[in-house]
Amino acid sequence: QNRAEAAAAVLKPIMDADGTDTASLGLAVRASLLAGDY
């Protein structure tokens, strides 16, 4: 839906945990790129 900030917000609890999985990292990367946060 091109809602990068909302995507990053729902991923934040996963990203804040230890040992983040590759799939979640991939989504977080896409959210950051879409938001222009390189």
PDB file of all heavy atoms in Angstrom:
ATOM      1  N   GLN A   1       0.824  -1.206   0.000  1.00  0.00           N
ATOM      2  CA  GLN A   1       0.000   0.000   0.000  1.00  0.00           C
ATOM      3  C   GLN A   1       0.861   1.260   0.000  1.00  0.00           C
ATOM      4  O   GLN A   1       0.341   2.367   0.117  1.00  0.00           O
ATOM      5  CB  GLN A   1      -0.902   0.011   1.235  1.00  0.00           C
ATOM      6  CG  GLN A   1      -1.952  -1.096   1.271  1.00  0.00           C
ATOM      7  CD  GLN A   1      -2.670  -1.176   2.607  1.00  0.00           C
ATOM      8  OE1 GLN A   1      -2.056  -1.009   3.656  1.00  0.00           O
ATOM      9  NE2 GLN A   1      -3.967  -1.427   2.572  1.00  0.00           N
ATOM     10  N   ASN A   2       2.196   1.082  -0.127  1.00  0.00           N
ATOM     11  CA  ASN A   2       3.151   2.194  -0.088  1.00  0.00           C
ATOM     12  C   ASN A   2       3.088   2.948   1.230  1.00  0.00           C
ATOM     13  O   ASN A   2       3.245   4.178   1.268  1.00  0.00           O
ATOM     14  CB  ASN A   2       2.914   3.147  -1.267  1.00  0.00           C
ATOM     15  CG  ASN A   2       3.237   2.505  -2.596  1.00  0.00           C
ATOM     16  OD1 ASN A   2       4.251   1.834  -2.735  1.00  0.00           O
ATOM     17  ND2 ASN A   2       2.377   2.692  -3.576  1.00  0.00           N
ATOM     18  N   ARG A   3       2.874   2.237   2.327  1.00  0.00           N
ATOM     19  CA  ARG A   3       2.815   2.832   3.661  1.00  0.00           C
ATOM     20  C   ARG A   3       4.031   2.345   4.453  1.00  0.00           C
ATOM     21  O   ARG A   3       3.938   1.470   5.301  1.00  0.00           O
ATOM     22  CB  ARG A   3       1.508   2.461   4.346  1.00  0.00           C
ATOM     23  CG  ARG A   3       0.266   2.997   3.632  1.00  0.00           C
ATOM     24  CD  ARG A   3      -1.004   2.367   4.177  1.00  0.00           C
ATOM     25  NE  ARG A   3      -1.120   2.561   5.617  1.00  0.00           N
ATOM     26  CZ  ARG A   3      -1.824   1.761   6.402  1.00  0.00           C
ATOM     27  NH1 ARG A   3      -2.465   0.717   5.896  1.00  0.00           N
ATOM     28  NH2 ARG A   3      -1.895   1.999   7.699  1.00  0.00           N
ATOM     29  N   ALA A   4       5.174   2.927   4.123  1.00  0.00           N
ATOM     30  CA  ALA A   4       6.443   2.453   4.676  1.00  0.00           C
ATOM     31  C   ALA A   4       6.516   2.632   6.188  1.00  0.00           C
ATOM     32  O   ALA A   4       6.969   1.735   6.909  1.00  0.00           O
ATOM     33  CB  ALA A   4       7.596   3.187   4.004  1.00  0.00           C
ATOM     34  N   GLU A   5       6.101   3.797   6.691  1.00  0.00           N
ATOM     35  CA  GLU A   5       6.212   4.045   8.129  1.00  0.00           C
ATOM     36  C   GLU A   5       5.318   3.107   8.924  1.00  0.00           C
ATOM     37  O   GLU A   5       5.709   2.615   9.999  1.00  0.00           O
ATOM     38  CB  GLU A   5       5.872   5.507   8.426  1.00  0.00           C
ATOM     39  CG  GLU A   5       6.906   6.493   7.886  1.00  0.00           C
ATOM     40  CD  GLU A   5       6.584   7.924   8.251  1.00  0.00           C
ATOM     41  OE1 GLU A   5       5.571   8.140   8.954  1.00  0.00           O
ATOM     42  OE2 GLU A   5       7.339   8.823   7.844  1.00  0.00           O
ATOM     43  N   ALA A   6       4.107   2.831   8.396  1.00  0.00           N
ATOM     44  CA  ALA A   6       3.203   1.910   9.085  1.00  0.00           C
ATOM     45  C   ALA A   6       3.765   0.493   9.077  1.00  0.00           C
ATOM     46  O   ALA A   6       3.612  -0.257  10.058  1.00  0.00           O
ATOM     47  CB  ALA A   6       1.818   1.939   8.428  1.00  0.00           C
ATOM     48  N   ALA A   7       4.423   0.112   7.983  1.00  0.00           N
ATOM     49  CA  ALA A   7       5.051  -1.214   7.916  1.00  0.00           C
ATOM     50  C   ALA A   7       6.183  -1.311   8.935  1.00  0.00           C
ATOM     51  O   ALA A   7       6.310  -2.313   9.649  1.00  0.00           O
ATOM     52  CB  ALA A   7       5.575  -1.478   6.511  1.00  0.00           C
ATOM     53  N   ALA A   8       7.009  -0.257   9.009  1.00  0.00           N
ATOM     54  CA  ALA A   8       8.120  -0.269   9.961  1.00  0.00           C
ATOM     55  C   ALA A   8       7.611  -0.334  11.401  1.00  0.00           C
ATOM     56  O   ALA A   8       8.206  -1.013  12.256  1.00  0.00           O
ATOM     57  CB  ALA A   8       8.986   0.970   9.760  1.00  0.00           C
ATOM     58  N   ALA A   9       6.499   0.341  11.672  1.00  0.00           N
ATOM     59  CA  ALA A   9       5.949   0.369  13.033  1.00  0.00           C
ATOM     60  C   ALA A   9       5.514  -1.019  13.483  1.00  0.00           C
ATOM     61  O   ALA A   9       5.770  -1.422  14.624  1.00  0.00           O
ATOM     62  CB  ALA A   9       4.773   1.348  13.095  1.00  0.00           C
ATOM     63  N   VAL A  10       4.871  -1.772  12.588  1.00  0.00           N
ATOM     64  CA  VAL A  10       4.392  -3.103  12.990  1.00  0.00           C
ATOM     65  C   VAL A  10       5.552  -4.088  13.119  1.00  0.00           C
ATOM     66  O   VAL A  10       5.469  -5.073  13.856  1.00  0.00           O
ATOM     67  CB  VAL A  10       3.327  -3.616  12.003  1.00  0.00           C
ATOM     68  CG1 VAL A  10       3.938  -4.168  10.723  1.00  0.00           C
ATOM     69  CG2 VAL A  10       2.452  -4.683  12.650  1.00  0.00           C
ATOM     70  N   LEU A  11       6.671  -3.809  12.444  1.00  0.00           N
ATOM     71  CA  LEU A  11       7.846  -4.678  12.544  1.00  0.00           C
ATOM     72  C   LEU A  11       8.729  -4.352  13.738  1.00  0.00           C
ATOM     73  O   LEU A  11       9.569  -5.175  14.126  1.00  0.00           O
ATOM     74  CB  LEU A  11       8.698  -4.557  11.276  1.00  0.00           C
ATOM     75  CG  LEU A  11       8.159  -5.200  10.001  1.00  0.00           C
ATOM     76  CD1 LEU A  11       8.997  -4.777   8.810  1.00  0.00           C
ATOM     77  CD2 LEU A  11       8.138  -6.722  10.119  1.00  0.00           C
ATOM     78  N   LYS A  12       8.545  -3.189  14.344  1.00  0.00           N
ATOM     79  CA  LYS A  12       9.477  -2.722  15.376  1.00  0.00           C
ATOM     80  C   LYS A  12       9.670  -3.709  16.523  1.00  0.00           C
ATOM     81  O   LYS A  12      10.818  -3.958  16.937  1.00  0.00           O
ATOM     82  CB  LYS A  12       9.020  -1.369  15.919  1.00  0.00           C
ATOM     83  CG  LYS A  12      10.052  -0.691  16.816  1.00  0.00           C
ATOM     84  CD  LYS A  12       9.616   0.686  17.234  1.00  0.00           C
ATOM     85  CE  LYS A  12      10.737   1.398  17.997  1.00  0.00           C
ATOM     86  NZ  LYS A  12      11.228   0.654  19.152  1.00  0.00           N
ATOM     87  N   PRO A  13       8.606  -4.324  17.075  1.00  0.00           N
ATOM     88  CA  PRO A  13       8.841  -5.283  18.171  1.00  0.00           C
ATOM     89  C   PRO A  13       9.719  -6.467  17.753  1.00  0.00           C
ATOM     90  O   PRO A  13      10.497  -6.973  18.563  1.00  0.00           O
ATOM     91  CB  PRO A  13       7.420  -5.753  18.537  1.00  0.00           C
ATOM     92  CG  PRO A  13       6.532  -4.635  18.104  1.00  0.00           C
ATOM     93  CD  PRO A  13       7.166  -4.096  16.859  1.00  0.00           C
ATOM     94  N   ILE A  14       9.613  -6.894  16.494  1.00  0.00           N
ATOM     95  CA  ILE A  14      10.460  -7.984  16.011  1.00  0.00           C
ATOM     96  C   ILE A  14      11.902  -7.497  15.883  1.00  0.00           C
ATOM     97  O   ILE A  14      12.848  -8.184  16.289  1.00  0.00           O
ATOM     98  CB  ILE A  14       9.967  -8.525  14.659  1.00  0.00           C
ATOM     99  CG1 ILE A  14       8.511  -8.987  14.747  1.00  0.00           C
ATOM    100  CG2 ILE A  14      10.856  -9.661  14.172  1.00  0.00           C
ATOM    101  CD1 ILE A  14       7.944  -9.475  13.431  1.00  0.00           C
ATOM    102  N   MET A  15      12.066  -6.298  15.329  1.00  0.00           N
ATOM    103  CA  MET A  15      13.403  -5.771  15.094  1.00  0.00           C
ATOM    104  C   MET A  15      14.115  -5.449  16.406  1.00  0.00           C
ATOM    105  O   MET A  15      15.341  -5.491  16.477  1.00  0.00           O
ATOM    106  CB  MET A  15      13.342  -4.516  14.205  1.00  0.00           C
ATOM    107  CG  MET A  15      12.660  -4.721  12.869  1.00  0.00           C
ATOM    108  SD  MET A  15      13.360  -6.082  11.917  1.00  0.00           S
ATOM    109  CE  MET A  15      15.023  -5.514  11.667  1.00  0.00           C
ATOM    110  N   ASP A  16      13.347  -5.129  17.458  1.00  0.00           N
ATOM    111  CA  ASP A  16      13.946  -4.808  18.749  1.00  0.00           C
ATOM    112  C   ASP A  16      14.381  -6.054  19.516  1.00  0.00           C
ATOM    113  O   ASP A  16      15.141  -5.961  20.488  1.00  0.00           O
ATOM    114  CB  ASP A  16      12.963  -4.008  19.611  1.00  0.00           C
ATOM    115  CG  ASP A  16      12.777  -2.588  19.089  1.00  0.00           C
ATOM    116  OD1 ASP A  16      13.609  -2.137  18.283  1.00  0.00           O
ATOM    117  OD2 ASP A  16      11.789  -1.932  19.484  1.00  0.00           O
ATOM    118  N   ALA A  17      13.897  -7.213  19.085  1.00  0.00           N
ATOM    119  CA  ALA A  17      14.229  -8.463  19.776  1.00  0.00           C
ATOM    120  C   ALA A  17      15.611  -8.955  19.335  1.00  0.00           C
ATOM    121  O   ALA A  17      16.130  -8.558  18.283  1.00  0.00           O
ATOM    122  CB  ALA A  17      13.173  -9.521  19.486  1.00  0.00           C
ATOM    123  N   ASP A  18      16.198  -9.814  20.134  1.00  0.00           N
ATOM    124  CA  ASP A  18      17.488 -10.407  19.771  1.00  0.00           C
ATOM    125  C   ASP A  18      17.294 -11.461  18.684  1.00  0.00           C
ATOM    126  O   ASP A  18      16.280 -12.152  18.647  1.00  0.00           O
ATOM    127  CB  ASP A  18      18.134 -11.057  20.999  1.00  0.00           C
ATOM    128  CG  ASP A  18      18.522 -10.021  22.051  1.00  0.00           C
ATOM    129  OD1 ASP A  18      18.790  -8.874  21.662  1.00  0.00           O
ATOM    130  OD2 ASP A  18      18.539 -10.382  23.249  1.00  0.00           O
ATOM    131  N   GLY A  19      18.283 -11.582  17.798  1.00  0.00           N
ATOM    132  CA  GLY A  19      18.242 -12.643  16.794  1.00  0.00           C
ATOM    133  C   GLY A  19      17.136 -12.487  15.780  1.00  0.00           C
ATOM    134  O   GLY A  19      16.384 -13.410  15.512  1.00  0.00           O
ATOM    135  N   THR A  20      16.998 -11.288  15.214  1.00  0.00           N
ATOM    136  CA  THR A  20      15.951 -11.036  14.224  1.00  0.00           C
ATOM    137  C   THR A  20      16.108 -11.969  13.025  1.00  0.00           C
ATOM    138  O   THR A  20      17.209 -12.165  12.516  1.00  0.00           O
ATOM    139  CB  THR A  20      16.023  -9.570  13.752  1.00  0.00           C
ATOM    140  OG1 THR A  20      15.939  -8.712  14.888  1.00  0.00           O
ATOM    141  CG2 THR A  20      14.887  -9.263  12.797  1.00  0.00           C
ATOM    142  N   ASP A  21      14.987 -12.527  12.546  1.00  0.00           N
ATOM    143  CA  ASP A  21      15.037 -13.465  11.425  1.00  0.00           C
ATOM    144  C   ASP A  21      15.250 -12.721  10.113  1.00  0.00           C
ATOM    145  O   ASP A  21      14.947 -11.531   9.981  1.00  0.00           O
ATOM    146  CB  ASP A  21      13.740 -14.278  11.380  1.00  0.00           C
ATOM    147  CG  ASP A  21      12.536 -13.389  11.161  1.00  0.00           C
ATOM    148  OD1 ASP A  21      12.064 -12.767  12.145  1.00  0.00           O
ATOM    149  OD2 ASP A  21      12.071 -13.287  10.021  1.00  0.00           O
ATOM    150  N   THR A  22      15.722 -13.463   9.130  1.00  0.00           N
ATOM    151  CA  THR A  22      16.060 -12.867   7.833  1.00  0.00           C
ATOM    152  C   THR A  22      14.828 -12.287   7.131  1.00  0.00           C
ATOM    153  O   THR A  22      14.914 -11.226   6.498  1.00  0.00           O
ATOM    154  CB  THR A  22      16.723 -13.916   6.929  1.00  0.00           C
ATOM    155  OG1 THR A  22      17.873 -14.444   7.594  1.00  0.00           O
ATOM    156  CG2 THR A  22      17.146 -13.315   5.605  1.00  0.00           C
ATOM    157  N   ALA A  23      13.687 -12.970   7.241  1.00  0.00           N
ATOM    158  CA  ALA A  23      12.474 -12.489   6.566  1.00  0.00           C
ATOM    159  C   ALA A  23      12.059 -11.120   7.112  1.00  0.00           C
ATOM    160  O   ALA A  23      11.698 -10.209   6.344  1.00  0.00           O
ATOM    161  CB  ALA A  23      11.342 -13.495   6.741  1.00  0.00           C
ATOM    162  N   SER A  24      12.100 -10.960   8.428  1.00  0.00           N
ATOM    163  CA  SER A  24      11.732  -9.676   9.028  1.00  0.00           C
ATOM    164  C   SER A  24      12.734  -8.594   8.652  1.00  0.00           C
ATOM    165  O   SER A  24      12.355  -7.442   8.385  1.00  0.00           O
ATOM    166  CB  SER A  24      11.650  -9.814  10.550  1.00  0.00           C
ATOM    167  OG  SER A  24      10.655 -10.743  10.926  1.00  0.00           O
ATOM    168  N   LEU A  25      14.017  -8.944   8.631  1.00  0.00           N
ATOM    169  CA  LEU A  25      15.031  -7.983   8.207  1.00  0.00           C
ATOM    170  C   LEU A  25      14.772  -7.514   6.776  1.00  0.00           C
ATOM    171  O   LEU A  25      14.888  -6.326   6.466  1.00  0.00           O
ATOM    172  CB  LEU A  25      16.416  -8.607   8.309  1.00  0.00           C
ATOM    173  CG  LEU A  25      17.089  -8.572   9.681  1.00  0.00           C
ATOM    174  CD1 LEU A  25      18.327  -9.451   9.689  1.00  0.00           C
ATOM    175  CD2 LEU A  25      17.454  -7.149  10.071  1.00  0.00           C
ATOM    176  N   GLY A  26      14.406  -8.462   5.907  1.00  0.00           N
ATOM    177  CA  GLY A  26      14.119  -8.105   4.520  1.00  0.00           C
ATOM    178  C   GLY A  26      12.970  -7.120   4.410  1.00  0.00           C
ATOM    179  O   GLY A  26      13.015  -6.150   3.629  1.00  0.00           O
ATOM    180  N   LEU A  27      11.921  -7.342   5.187  1.00  0.00           N
ATOM    181  CA  LEU A  27      10.779  -6.428   5.185  1.00  0.00           C
ATOM    182  C   LEU A  27      11.174  -5.059   5.732  1.00  0.00           C
ATOM    183  O   LEU A  27      10.751  -4.022   5.209  1.00  0.00           O
ATOM    184  CB  LEU A  27       9.641  -7.020   6.010  1.00  0.00           C
ATOM    185  CG  LEU A  27       8.912  -8.213   5.393  1.00  0.00           C
ATOM    186  CD1 LEU A  27       8.057  -8.916   6.441  1.00  0.00           C
ATOM    187  CD2 LEU A  27       8.037  -7.766   4.220  1.00  0.00           C
ATOM    188  N   ALA A  28      11.984  -5.061   6.798  1.00  0.00           N
ATOM    189  CA  ALA A  28      12.432  -3.793   7.376  1.00  0.00           C
ATOM    190  C   ALA A  28      13.279  -3.006   6.375  1.00  0.00           C
ATOM    191  O   ALA A  28      13.177  -1.775   6.289  1.00  0.00           O
ATOM    192  CB  ALA A  28      13.225  -4.051   8.653  1.00  0.00           C
ATOM    193  N   VAL A  29      14.089  -3.715   5.612  1.00  0.00           N
ATOM    194  CA  VAL A  29      14.894  -3.057   4.577  1.00  0.00           C
ATOM    195  C   VAL A  29      13.987  -2.423   3.521  1.00  0.00           C
ATOM    196  O   VAL A  29      14.182  -1.263   3.130  1.00  0.00           O
ATOM    197  CB  VAL A  29      15.858  -4.069   3.923  1.00  0.00           C
ATOM    198  CG1 VAL A  29      16.487  -3.482   2.670  1.00  0.00           C
ATOM    199  CG2 VAL A  29      16.932  -4.481   4.916  1.00  0.00           C
ATOM    200  N   ARG A  30      12.996  -3.174   3.067  1.00  0.00           N
ATOM    201  CA  ARG A  30      12.077  -2.632   2.058  1.00  0.00           C
ATOM    202  C   ARG A  30      11.343  -1.408   2.579  1.00  0.00           C
ATOM    203  O   ARG A  30      11.155  -0.423   1.847  1.00  0.00           O
ATOM    204  CB  ARG A  30      11.076  -3.712   1.630  1.00  0.00           C
ATOM    205  CG  ARG A  30      11.680  -4.799   0.757  1.00  0.00           C
ATOM    206  CD  ARG A  30      10.711  -5.942   0.540  1.00  0.00           C
ATOM    207  NE  ARG A  30       9.452  -5.513  -0.021  1.00  0.00           N
ATOM    208  CZ  ARG A  30       8.333  -6.232  -0.035  1.00  0.00           C
ATOM    209  NH1 ARG A  30       8.345  -7.437   0.519  1.00  0.00           N
ATOM    210  NH2 ARG A  30       7.234  -5.769  -0.577  1.00  0.00           N
ATOM    211  N   ALA A  31      10.930  -1.464   3.851  1.00  0.00           N
ATOM    212  CA  ALA A  31      10.234  -0.322   4.441  1.00  0.00           C
ATOM    213  C   ALA A  31      11.147   0.899   4.490  1.00  0.00           C
ATOM    214  O   ALA A  31      10.733   2.027   4.164  1.00  0.00           O
ATOM    215  CB  ALA A  31       9.737  -0.669   5.839  1.00  0.00           C
ATOM    216  N   SER A  32      12.399   0.683   4.868  1.00  0.00           N
ATOM    217  CA  SER A  32      13.346   1.796   4.948  1.00  0.00           C
ATOM    218  C   SER A  32      13.627   2.377   3.566  1.00  0.00           C
ATOM    219  O   SER A  32      13.682   3.605   3.396  1.00  0.00           O
ATOM    220  CB  SER A  32      14.653   1.320   5.594  1.00  0.00           C
ATOM    221  OG  SER A  32      14.435   0.885   6.921  1.00  0.00           O
ATOM    222  N   LEU A  33      13.807   1.507   2.565  1.00  0.00           N
ATOM    223  CA  LEU A  33      14.064   1.999   1.204  1.00  0.00           C
ATOM    224  C   LEU A  33      12.866   2.769   0.666  1.00  0.00           C
ATOM    225  O   LEU A  33      13.027   3.820   0.019  1.00  0.00           O
ATOM    226  CB  LEU A  33      14.403   0.822   0.282  1.00  0.00           C
ATOM    227  CG  LEU A  33      15.751   0.140   0.518  1.00  0.00           C
ATOM    228  CD1 LEU A  33      15.888  -1.091  -0.364  1.00  0.00           C
ATOM    229  CD2 LEU A  33      16.901   1.111   0.262  1.00  0.00           C
ATOM    230  N   LEU A  34      11.659   2.263   0.923  1.00  0.00           N
ATOM    231  CA  LEU A  34      10.456   2.939   0.443  1.00  0.00           C
ATOM    232  C   LEU A  34      10.317   4.312   1.090  1.00  0.00           C
ATOM    233  O   LEU A  34       9.848   5.265   0.456  1.00  0.00           O
ATOM    234  CB  LEU A  34       9.220   2.085   0.741  1.00  0.00           C
ATOM    235  CG  LEU A  34       7.869   2.589   0.216  1.00  0.00           C
ATOM    236  CD1 LEU A  34       7.883   2.715  -1.308  1.00  0.00           C
ATOM    237  CD2 LEU A  34       6.748   1.652   0.642  1.00  0.00           C
ATOM    238  N   ALA A  35      10.732   4.419   2.350  1.00  0.00           N
ATOM    239  CA  ALA A  35      10.660   5.693   3.067  1.00  0.00           C
ATOM    240  C   ALA A  35      11.840   6.610   2.729  1.00  0.00           C
ATOM    241  O   ALA A  35      11.889   7.755   3.188  1.00  0.00           O
ATOM    242  CB  ALA A  35      10.609   5.441   4.564  1.00  0.00           C
ATOM    243  N   GLY A  36      12.793   6.107   1.939  1.00  0.00           N
ATOM    244  CA  GLY A  36      13.972   6.898   1.605  1.00  0.00           C
ATOM    245  C   GLY A  36      15.001   6.951   2.715  1.00  0.00           C
ATOM    246  O   GLY A  36      15.935   7.762   2.681  1.00  0.00           O
ATOM    247  N   ASP A  37      14.880   6.072   3.698  1.00  0.00           N
ATOM    248  CA  ASP A  37      15.816   6.025   4.825  1.00  0.00           C
ATOM    249  C   ASP A  37      16.908   5.005   4.497  1.00  0.00           C
ATOM    250  O   ASP A  37      16.931   3.896   5.011  1.00  0.00           O
ATOM    251  CB  ASP A  37      15.067   5.637   6.104  1.00  0.00           C
ATOM    252  CG  ASP A  37      15.936   5.749   7.351  1.00  0.00           C
ATOM    253  OD1 ASP A  37      17.147   5.993   7.195  1.00  0.00           O
ATOM    254  OD2 ASP A  37      15.406   5.591   8.465  1.00  0.00           O
ATOM    255  N   TYR A  38      17.841   5.404   3.630  1.00  0.00           N
ATOM    256  CA  TYR A  38      18.845   4.472   3.131  1.00  0.00           C
ATOM    257  C   TYR A  38      19.819   4.041   4.218  1.00  0.00           C
ATOM    258  O   TYR A  38      20.282   2.897   4.227  1.00  0.00           O
ATOM    259  CB  TYR A  38      19.597   5.101   1.960  1.00  0.00           C
ATOM    260  CG  TYR A  38      18.690   5.475   0.811  1.00  0.00           C
ATOM    261  CD1 TYR A  38      18.592   6.791   0.367  1.00  0.00           C
ATOM    262  CD2 TYR A  38      17.895   4.512   0.190  1.00  0.00           C
ATOM    263  CE1 TYR A  38      17.747   7.138  -0.677  1.00  0.00           C
ATOM    264  CE2 TYR A  38      17.045   4.851  -0.849  1.00  0.00           C
ATOM    265  CZ  TYR A  38      16.968   6.170  -1.269  1.00  0.00           C
ATOM    266  OH  TYR A  38      16.123   6.500  -2.286  1.00  0.00           O
TER     267      TYR A  38
END
